[in-house]
Amino acid sequence: MSGEFIEIEVVYALQHCQDVITVSVPEGATAREAVEASGLLLKYPEIELGERNKLGIYNKPARPDTVLREYDRVEIYRPLIADPKAVRKQRAEEGKVMKRGGGAMQDA
């Protein structure tokens, strides 16, 4: 490493708020190292990287060992409450009408 540092954002969004932390990490740092440097693991002890919570970089899945580039945005994802496919299937079985754009779907 050349001793240079890069700026990274680390984001963790909750239902009611989001934390966006900007950190400087050495070139060659990984997503996991950026999350650790952000302090979010201490602030939110429920975060379990790789097990409960997955990571992404600009909305694309990323592994904790992914090497970062200047200005990357590391996102910590919360686990899904329900499987979207299962919810759609359940609604279809119950005969509920799916809404589109805030209003009920109309017959053509």
Protein backbone atom coordinates (compact mmCIF):
# COMPACT_ATOMS: atom_id res chain seq x y z
CA MET A 1 0.00 0.00 0.00
CA SER A 2 1.17 3.48 -0.76
CA GLY A 3 -0.15 5.01 2.47
CA GLU A 4 -2.94 6.90 0.67
CA PHE A 5 -6.42 7.18 2.15
CA ILE A 6 -9.78 7.12 0.37
CA GLU A 7 -13.17 8.53 1.41
CA ILE A 8 -16.00 6.01 1.83
CA GLU A 9 -19.61 6.34 3.00
CA VAL A 10 -21.12 3.63 5.20
CA VAL A 11 -24.92 3.57 5.43
CA TYR A 12 -27.30 1.73 7.75
CA ALA A 13 -31.01 2.48 7.36
CA LEU A 14 -33.62 1.71 9.96
CA GLN A 15 -37.35 2.05 9.61
CA HIS A 16 -37.40 5.50 11.22
CA CYS A 17 -33.94 6.91 10.37
CA GLN A 18 -30.67 6.29 8.61
CA ASP A 19 -27.05 6.73 9.60
CA VAL A 20 -24.64 7.91 6.92
CA ILE A 21 -21.03 7.95 8.10
CA THR A 22 -18.10 9.19 6.01
CA VAL A 23 -14.80 7.53 6.86
CA SER A 24 -11.26 7.66 5.54
CA VAL A 25 -9.73 4.22 5.08
CA PRO A 26 -6.40 3.14 3.61
CA GLU A 27 -6.33 2.23 -0.07
CA GLY A 28 -7.02 -1.49 -0.39
CA ALA A 29 -9.44 -1.52 2.55
CA THR A 30 -12.38 -3.92 2.41
CA ALA A 31 -16.09 -3.32 2.94
CA ARG A 32 -15.85 -5.01 6.35
CA GLU A 33 -12.98 -2.72 7.39
CA ALA A 34 -14.98 0.36 6.34
CA VAL A 35 -17.99 -0.79 8.38
CA GLU A 36 -15.74 -1.41 11.39
CA ALA A 37 -14.14 2.04 10.98
CA SER A 38 -17.57 3.71 10.82
CA GLY A 39 -18.44 2.77 14.41
CA LEU A 40 -21.87 1.46 13.36
CA LEU A 41 -21.13 -2.01 14.76
CA LEU A 42 -20.75 -0.44 18.22
CA LYS A 43 -23.81 1.80 17.83
CA TYR A 44 -26.02 -1.03 16.53
CA PRO A 45 -24.95 -4.31 18.19
CA GLU A 46 -27.69 -6.20 16.30
CA ILE A 47 -25.63 -5.93 13.09
CA GLU A 48 -24.02 -9.29 12.26
CA LEU A 49 -22.06 -8.99 9.02
CA GLY A 50 -22.25 -12.02 6.77
CA GLU A 51 -24.87 -13.79 8.88
CA ARG A 52 -27.85 -11.60 9.64
CA ASN A 53 -26.90 -8.54 7.60
CA LYS A 54 -25.63 -8.49 4.03
CA LEU A 55 -23.56 -5.74 2.43
CA GLY A 56 -23.84 -3.89 -0.84
CA ILE A 57 -21.99 -1.18 -2.70
CA TYR A 58 -24.33 1.26 -4.43
CA ASN A 59 -27.25 -1.19 -4.24
CA LYS A 60 -25.30 -4.14 -5.65
CA PRO A 61 -24.56 -7.12 -3.39
CA ALA A 62 -20.96 -7.22 -2.17
CA ARG A 63 -18.93 -9.54 0.01
CA PRO A 64 -17.29 -8.23 3.17
CA ASP A 65 -13.85 -8.82 1.60
CA THR A 66 -14.62 -6.62 -1.45
CA VAL A 67 -11.84 -4.05 -1.92
CA LEU A 68 -13.22 -0.52 -2.01
CA ARG A 69 -12.58 2.40 -4.32
CA GLU A 70 -12.68 6.13 -3.62
CA TYR A 71 -16.21 7.42 -2.88
CA ASP A 72 -17.83 3.97 -2.67
CA ARG A 73 -21.03 3.80 -0.63
CA VAL A 74 -21.13 0.67 1.54
CA GLU A 75 -24.68 -0.25 2.52
CA ILE A 76 -25.58 -2.53 5.41
CA TYR A 77 -28.85 -4.30 4.65
CA ARG A 78 -31.37 -5.36 7.28
CA PRO A 79 -32.87 -8.84 6.92
CA LEU A 80 -36.24 -9.07 5.18
CA ILE A 81 -39.24 -9.33 7.47
CA ALA A 82 -41.16 -11.39 4.89
CA ASP A 83 -40.29 -13.00 1.56
CA PRO A 84 -41.86 -10.76 -1.14
CA LYS A 85 -42.64 -13.75 -3.37
CA ALA A 86 -44.44 -15.54 -0.55
CA VAL A 87 -46.47 -12.41 0.26
CA ARG A 88 -47.55 -12.01 -3.39
CA LYS A 89 -48.48 -15.67 -3.56
CA GLN A 90 -50.52 -15.42 -0.36
CA ARG A 91 -52.37 -12.34 -1.66
CA ALA A 92 -53.16 -14.11 -4.92
CA GLU A 93 -54.52 -17.12 -3.04
CA GLU A 94 -56.69 -14.86 -0.90
CA GLY A 95 -58.02 -13.10 -4.01
CA LYS A 96 -56.83 -9.67 -2.99
CA VAL A 97 -56.39 -7.09 -5.74
CA MET A 98 -52.87 -5.73 -6.03
CA LYS A 99 -52.68 -1.94 -6.20
CA ARG A 100 -50.58 -0.06 -8.69
CA GLY A 101 -49.48 3.52 -8.29
CA GLY A 102 -51.60 4.16 -5.22
CA GLY A 103 -54.94 3.28 -6.79
CA ALA A 104 -56.84 0.09 -7.53
CA MET A 105 -56.12 -1.64 -10.82
CA GLN A 106 -58.92 -1.22 -13.33
CA ASP A 107 -60.11 -3.67 -15.96
CA ALA A 108 -59.06 -2.83 -19.50
